[in-house]
């Protein structure tokens, strides 16, 4: 999966596979985590969020199964 770099003090890059509904998030200093069954709308909101780190911790990290 191709990830794209984002402007964030916490998140380095993000990738999404719409067919498999898999989200990959690379956190600065913490490696990459993969989340399953993430809806496309969540991906869009994440990418549009002014703070990627806050969105990740509030809406993804504990909301979706980490693979």
PDB file of N, CA and C in Angstrom:
ATOM      1  N   UNK A   1       0.850  -1.173   0.000  1.00  0.00           N
ATOM      2  CA  UNK A   1       0.000   0.000   0.000  1.00  0.00           C
ATOM      3  C   UNK A   1       0.899   1.241   0.000  1.00  0.00           C
ATOM      4  N   UNK A   2       0.574   2.177  -0.830  1.00  0.00           N
ATOM      5  CA  UNK A   2       1.337   3.417  -0.915  1.00  0.00           C
ATOM      6  C   UNK A   2       0.812   4.389   0.143  1.00  0.00           C
ATOM      7  N   UNK A   3       1.736   4.905   0.951  1.00  0.00           N
ATOM      8  CA  UNK A   3       1.358   5.895   1.953  1.00  0.00           C
ATOM      9  C   UNK A   3       1.804   7.274   1.486  1.00  0.00           C
ATOM     10  N   UNK A   4       1.095   8.283   1.946  1.00  0.00           N
ATOM     11  CA  UNK A   4       1.474   9.646   1.618  1.00  0.00           C
ATOM     12  C   UNK A   4       1.876  10.378   2.893  1.00  0.00           C
ATOM     13  N   UNK A   5       2.901  11.200   2.772  1.00  0.00           N
ATOM     14  CA  UNK A   5       3.351  11.986   3.907  1.00  0.00           C
ATOM     15  C   UNK A   5       2.329  13.080   4.197  1.00  0.00           C
ATOM     16  N   UNK A   6       2.160  13.393   5.483  1.00  0.00           N
ATOM     17  CA  UNK A   6       1.218  14.428   5.896  1.00  0.00           C
ATOM     18  C   UNK A   6       1.942  15.432   6.789  1.00  0.00           C
ATOM     19  N   UNK A   7       1.407  16.633   6.832  1.00  0.00           N
ATOM     20  CA  UNK A   7       1.957  17.675   7.699  1.00  0.00           C
ATOM     21  C   UNK A   7       1.376  17.483   9.093  1.00  0.00           C
ATOM     22  N   UNK A   8       2.189  16.970   9.997  1.00  0.00           N
ATOM     23  CA  UNK A   8       1.722  16.676  11.347  1.00  0.00           C
ATOM     24  C   UNK A   8       2.922  16.533  12.268  1.00  0.00           C
ATOM     25  N   UNK A   9       2.738  16.887  13.525  1.00  0.00           N
ATOM     26  CA  UNK A   9       3.809  16.708  14.506  1.00  0.00           C
ATOM     27  C   UNK A   9       3.783  15.304  15.109  1.00  0.00           C
ATOM     28  N   UNK A  10       2.736  14.528  14.827  1.00  0.00           N
ATOM     29  CA  UNK A  10       2.606  13.176  15.392  1.00  0.00           C
ATOM     30  C   UNK A  10       2.559  12.083  14.328  1.00  0.00           C
ATOM     31  N   UNK A  11       1.986  12.382  13.173  1.00  0.00           N
ATOM     32  CA  UNK A  11       1.784  11.386  12.121  1.00  0.00           C
ATOM     33  C   UNK A  11       2.726  11.692  10.963  1.00  0.00           C
ATOM     34  N   UNK A  12       3.485  10.689  10.550  1.00  0.00           N
ATOM     35  CA  UNK A  12       4.422  10.890   9.431  1.00  0.00           C
ATOM     36  C   UNK A  12       3.755  10.609   8.091  1.00  0.00           C
ATOM     37  N   UNK A  13       3.064   9.456   7.976  1.00  0.00           N
ATOM     38  CA  UNK A  13       2.428   9.105   6.706  1.00  0.00           C
ATOM     39  C   UNK A  13       1.180   8.274   6.956  1.00  0.00           C
ATOM     40  N   UNK A  14       0.310   8.258   5.937  1.00  0.00           N
ATOM     41  CA  UNK A  14      -0.972   7.560   6.024  1.00  0.00           C
ATOM     42  C   UNK A  14      -1.260   6.890   4.683  1.00  0.00           C
ATOM     43  N   UNK A  15      -1.785   5.674   4.735  1.00  0.00           N
ATOM     44  CA  UNK A  15      -2.197   4.970   3.523  1.00  0.00           C
ATOM     45  C   UNK A  15      -3.544   4.322   3.745  1.00  0.00           C
ATOM     46  N   UNK A  16      -4.299   4.156   2.671  1.00  0.00           N
ATOM     47  CA  UNK A  16      -5.628   3.559   2.788  1.00  0.00           C
ATOM     48  C   UNK A  16      -5.914   2.691   1.572  1.00  0.00           C
ATOM     49  N   UNK A  17      -6.412   1.489   1.826  1.00  0.00           N
ATOM     50  CA  UNK A  17      -6.858   0.582   0.771  1.00  0.00           C
ATOM     51  C   UNK A  17      -8.374   0.514   0.857  1.00  0.00           C
ATOM     52  N   UNK A  18      -9.057   1.182  -0.063  1.00  0.00           N
ATOM     53  CA  UNK A  18     -10.524   1.264  -0.027  1.00  0.00           C
ATOM     54  C   UNK A  18     -11.196  -0.082  -0.251  1.00  0.00           C
ATOM     55  N   UNK A  19     -10.602  -0.933  -1.086  1.00  0.00           N
ATOM     56  CA  UNK A  19     -11.195  -2.245  -1.351  1.00  0.00           C
ATOM     57  C   UNK A  19     -11.173  -3.131  -0.110  1.00  0.00           C
ATOM     58  N   UNK A  20     -10.084  -3.077   0.639  1.00  0.00           N
ATOM     59  CA  UNK A  20      -9.932  -3.915   1.838  1.00  0.00           C
ATOM     60  C   UNK A  20     -10.307  -3.185   3.121  1.00  0.00           C
ATOM     61  N   UNK A  21     -10.532  -1.856   3.008  1.00  0.00           N
ATOM     62  CA  UNK A  21     -10.878  -1.019   4.161  1.00  0.00           C
ATOM     63  C   UNK A  21      -9.794  -1.078   5.237  1.00  0.00           C
ATOM     64  N   UNK A  22      -8.542  -1.014   4.795  1.00  0.00           N
ATOM     65  CA  UNK A  22      -7.398  -1.065   5.698  1.00  0.00           C
ATOM     66  C   UNK A  22      -6.701   0.298   5.701  1.00  0.00           C
ATOM     67  N   UNK A  23      -6.420   0.768   6.902  1.00  0.00           N
ATOM     68  CA  UNK A  23      -5.734   2.046   7.096  1.00  0.00           C
ATOM     69  C   UNK A  23      -4.379   1.783   7.742  1.00  0.00           C
ATOM     70  N   UNK A  24      -3.337   2.352   7.166  1.00  0.00           N
ATOM     71  CA  UNK A  24      -1.997   2.292   7.753  1.00  0.00           C
ATOM     72  C   UNK A  24      -1.612   3.692   8.205  1.00  0.00           C
ATOM     73  N   UNK A  25      -1.120   3.776   9.436  1.00  0.00           N
ATOM     74  CA  UNK A  25      -0.710   5.054  10.002  1.00  0.00           C
ATOM     75  C   UNK A  25       0.708   4.908  10.540  1.00  0.00           C
ATOM     76  N   UNK A  26       1.611   5.732  10.042  1.00  0.00           N
ATOM     77  CA  UNK A  26       2.977   5.754  10.544  1.00  0.00           C
ATOM     78  C   UNK A  26       3.117   6.940  11.488  1.00  0.00           C
ATOM     79  N   UNK A  27       3.334   6.639  12.762  1.00  0.00           N
ATOM     80  CA  UNK A  27       3.499   7.676  13.765  1.00  0.00           C
ATOM     81  C   UNK A  27       4.981   7.996  13.930  1.00  0.00           C
ATOM     82  N   UNK A  28       5.288   9.246  14.160  1.00  0.00           N
ATOM     83  CA  UNK A  28       6.676   9.651  14.355  1.00  0.00           C
ATOM     84  C   UNK A  28       7.236   8.976  15.602  1.00  0.00           C
ATOM     85  N   UNK A  29       8.295   8.206  15.432  1.00  0.00           N
ATOM     86  CA  UNK A  29       8.947   7.543  16.548  1.00  0.00           C
ATOM     87  C   UNK A  29       8.257   6.302  17.075  1.00  0.00           C
ATOM     88  N   UNK A  30       7.143   5.874  16.460  1.00  0.00           N
ATOM     89  CA  UNK A  30       6.397   4.723  16.976  1.00  0.00           C
ATOM     90  C   UNK A  30       6.114   3.659  15.926  1.00  0.00           C
ATOM     91  N   UNK A  31       6.624   3.810  14.731  1.00  0.00           N
ATOM     92  CA  UNK A  31       6.406   2.810  13.697  1.00  0.00           C
ATOM     93  C   UNK A  31       5.036   2.917  13.047  1.00  0.00           C
ATOM     94  N   UNK A  32       4.687   1.855  12.316  1.00  0.00           N
ATOM     95  CA  UNK A  32       3.451   1.835  11.534  1.00  0.00           C
ATOM     96  C   UNK A  32       2.444   0.884  12.151  1.00  0.00           C
ATOM     97  N   UNK A  33       1.194   1.324  12.224  1.00  0.00           N
ATOM     98  CA  UNK A  33       0.093   0.497  12.713  1.00  0.00           C
ATOM     99  C   UNK A  33      -0.934   0.343  11.606  1.00  0.00           C
ATOM    100  N   UNK A  34      -1.569  -0.821  11.563  1.00  0.00           N
ATOM    101  CA  UNK A  34      -2.574  -1.127  10.552  1.00  0.00           C
ATOM    102  C   UNK A  34      -3.913  -1.342  11.242  1.00  0.00           C
ATOM    103  N   UNK A  35      -4.959  -0.729  10.708  1.00  0.00           N
ATOM    104  CA  UNK A  35      -6.305  -0.818  11.283  1.00  0.00           C
ATOM    105  C   UNK A  35      -7.266  -1.383  10.245  1.00  0.00           C
ATOM    106  N   UNK A  36      -8.156  -2.284  10.697  1.00  0.00           N
ATOM    107  CA  UNK A  36      -9.080  -2.994   9.809  1.00  0.00           C
ATOM    108  C   UNK A  36     -10.480  -2.400   9.858  1.00  0.00           C
ATOM    109  N   UNK A  37     -11.231  -2.619   8.777  1.00  0.00           N
ATOM    110  CA  UNK A  37     -12.639  -2.209   8.665  1.00  0.00           C
ATOM    111  C   UNK A  37     -12.852  -0.715   8.878  1.00  0.00           C
ATOM    112  N   UNK A  38     -11.943   0.082   8.353  1.00  0.00           N
ATOM    113  CA  UNK A  38     -12.048   1.541   8.458  1.00  0.00           C
ATOM    114  C   UNK A  38     -12.840   2.052   7.253  1.00  0.00           C
ATOM    115  N   UNK A  39     -13.972   2.718   7.491  1.00  0.00           N
ATOM    116  CA  UNK A  39     -14.791   3.223   6.378  1.00  0.00           C
ATOM    117  C   UNK A  39     -14.070   4.325   5.584  1.00  0.00           C
ATOM    118  N   UNK A  40     -14.420   4.429   4.337  1.00  0.00           N
ATOM    119  CA  UNK A  40     -13.861   5.453   3.466  1.00  0.00           C
ATOM    120  C   UNK A  40     -14.119   6.853   4.030  1.00  0.00           C
ATOM    121  N   UNK A  41     -15.278   7.053   4.633  1.00  0.00           N
ATOM    122  CA  UNK A  41     -15.594   8.374   5.204  1.00  0.00           C
ATOM    123  C   UNK A  41     -14.617   8.747   6.323  1.00  0.00           C
ATOM    124  N   UNK A  42     -14.198   7.762   7.122  1.00  0.00           N
ATOM    125  CA  UNK A  42     -13.231   8.031   8.183  1.00  0.00           C
ATOM    126  C   UNK A  42     -11.904   8.460   7.584  1.00  0.00           C
ATOM    127  N   UNK A  43     -11.497   7.798   6.514  1.00  0.00           N
ATOM    128  CA  UNK A  43     -10.270   8.173   5.803  1.00  0.00           C
ATOM    129  C   UNK A  43     -10.349   9.620   5.311  1.00  0.00           C
ATOM    130  N   UNK A  44     -11.482   9.986   4.707  1.00  0.00           N
ATOM    131  CA  UNK A  44     -11.644  11.349   4.193  1.00  0.00           C
ATOM    132  C   UNK A  44     -11.588  12.382   5.321  1.00  0.00           C
ATOM    133  N   UNK A  45     -12.281  12.089   6.430  1.00  0.00           N
ATOM    134  CA  UNK A  45     -12.249  13.008   7.570  1.00  0.00           C
ATOM    135  C   UNK A  45     -10.843  13.119   8.155  1.00  0.00           C
ATOM    136  N   UNK A  46     -10.133  11.999   8.221  1.00  0.00           N
ATOM    137  CA  UNK A  46      -8.765  11.986   8.730  1.00  0.00           C
ATOM    138  C   UNK A  46      -7.870  12.874   7.871  1.00  0.00           C
ATOM    139  N   UNK A  47      -7.947  12.699   6.570  1.00  0.00           N
ATOM    140  CA  UNK A  47      -7.088  13.467   5.679  1.00  0.00           C
ATOM    141  C   UNK A  47      -7.449  14.959   5.659  1.00  0.00           C
ATOM    142  N   UNK A  48      -8.692  15.287   5.973  1.00  0.00           N
ATOM    143  CA  UNK A  48      -9.127  16.687   5.993  1.00  0.00           C
ATOM    144  C   UNK A  48      -8.932  17.347   7.367  1.00  0.00           C
ATOM    145  N   UNK A  49      -8.628  16.561   8.375  1.00  0.00           N
ATOM    146  CA  UNK A  49      -8.506  17.092   9.739  1.00  0.00           C
ATOM    147  C   UNK A  49      -7.334  18.069   9.851  1.00  0.00           C
ATOM    148  N   UNK A  50      -7.552  19.197  10.522  1.00  0.00           N
ATOM    149  CA  UNK A  50      -6.460  20.150  10.704  1.00  0.00           C
ATOM    150  C   UNK A  50      -5.344  19.586  11.588  1.00  0.00           C
ATOM    151  N   UNK A  51      -5.695  18.678  12.496  1.00  0.00           N
ATOM    152  CA  UNK A  51      -4.701  18.021  13.341  1.00  0.00           C
ATOM    153  C   UNK A  51      -4.826  16.508  13.134  1.00  0.00           C
ATOM    154  N   UNK A  52      -3.889  15.943  12.367  1.00  0.00           N
ATOM    155  CA  UNK A  52      -3.923  14.505  12.091  1.00  0.00           C
ATOM    156  C   UNK A  52      -3.722  13.702  13.379  1.00  0.00           C
ATOM    157  N   UNK A  53      -2.834  14.167  14.254  1.00  0.00           N
ATOM    158  CA  UNK A  53      -2.570  13.462  15.498  1.00  0.00           C
ATOM    159  C   UNK A  53      -3.799  13.400  16.390  1.00  0.00           C
ATOM    160  N   UNK A  54      -4.476  14.525  16.560  1.00  0.00           N
ATOM    161  CA  UNK A  54      -5.691  14.550  17.389  1.00  0.00           C
ATOM    162  C   UNK A  54      -6.773  13.669  16.797  1.00  0.00           C
ATOM    163  N   UNK A  55      -6.964  13.739  15.494  1.00  0.00           N
ATOM    164  CA  UNK A  55      -7.986  12.908  14.857  1.00  0.00           C
ATOM    165  C   UNK A  55      -7.650  11.436  15.051  1.00  0.00           C
ATOM    166  N   UNK A  56      -6.391  11.074  14.861  1.00  0.00           N
ATOM    167  CA  UNK A  56      -5.986   9.679  15.022  1.00  0.00           C
ATOM    168  C   UNK A  56      -6.287   9.187  16.432  1.00  0.00           C
ATOM    169  N   UNK A  57      -5.848   9.929  17.441  1.00  0.00           N
ATOM    170  CA  UNK A  57      -6.045   9.487  18.823  1.00  0.00           C
ATOM    171  C   UNK A  57      -7.504   9.515  19.254  1.00  0.00           C
ATOM    172  N   UNK A  58      -8.292  10.423  18.723  1.00  0.00           N
ATOM    173  CA  UNK A  58      -9.702  10.540  19.129  1.00  0.00           C
ATOM    174  C   UNK A  58     -10.669   9.671  18.322  1.00  0.00           C
ATOM    175  N   UNK A  59     -10.325   9.346  17.075  1.00  0.00           N
ATOM    176  CA  UNK A  59     -11.296   8.683  16.199  1.00  0.00           C
ATOM    177  C   UNK A  59     -10.833   7.379  15.555  1.00  0.00           C
ATOM    178  N   UNK A  60      -9.572   7.030  15.716  1.00  0.00           N
ATOM    179  CA  UNK A  60      -9.078   5.818  15.052  1.00  0.00           C
ATOM    180  C   UNK A  60      -8.440   4.834  16.031  1.00  0.00           C
ATOM    181  N   UNK A  61      -7.490   5.292  16.808  1.00  0.00           N
ATOM    182  CA  UNK A  61      -6.660   4.413  17.636  1.00  0.00           C
ATOM    183  C   UNK A  61      -7.470   3.409  18.456  1.00  0.00           C
ATOM    184  N   UNK A  62      -8.507   3.832  19.128  1.00  0.00           N
ATOM    185  CA  UNK A  62      -9.283   2.917  19.979  1.00  0.00           C
ATOM    186  C   UNK A  62     -10.637   2.559  19.390  1.00  0.00           C
ATOM    187  N   UNK A  63     -10.897   3.000  18.175  1.00  0.00           N
ATOM    188  CA  UNK A  63     -12.184   2.734  17.543  1.00  0.00           C
ATOM    189  C   UNK A  63     -12.153   1.547  16.586  1.00  0.00           C
ATOM    190  N   UNK A  64     -10.968   1.225  16.067  1.00  0.00           N
ATOM    191  CA  UNK A  64     -10.840   0.167  15.064  1.00  0.00           C
ATOM    192  C   UNK A  64      -9.846  -0.883  15.506  1.00  0.00           C
ATOM    193  N   UNK A  65     -10.053  -2.109  15.066  1.00  0.00           N
ATOM    194  CA  UNK A  65      -9.195  -3.239  15.396  1.00  0.00           C
ATOM    195  C   UNK A  65      -7.841  -3.058  14.746  1.00  0.00           C
ATOM    196  N   UNK A  66      -6.797  -3.127  15.582  1.00  0.00           N
ATOM    197  CA  UNK A  66      -5.442  -3.010  15.056  1.00  0.00           C
ATOM    198  C   UNK A  66      -4.981  -4.384  14.612  1.00  0.00           C
ATOM    199  N   UNK A  67      -4.407  -4.430  13.427  1.00  0.00           N
ATOM    200  CA  UNK A  67      -3.961  -5.711  12.842  1.00  0.00           C
ATOM    201  C   UNK A  67      -2.460  -5.831  12.932  1.00  0.00           C
TER     202      UNK A  67
END
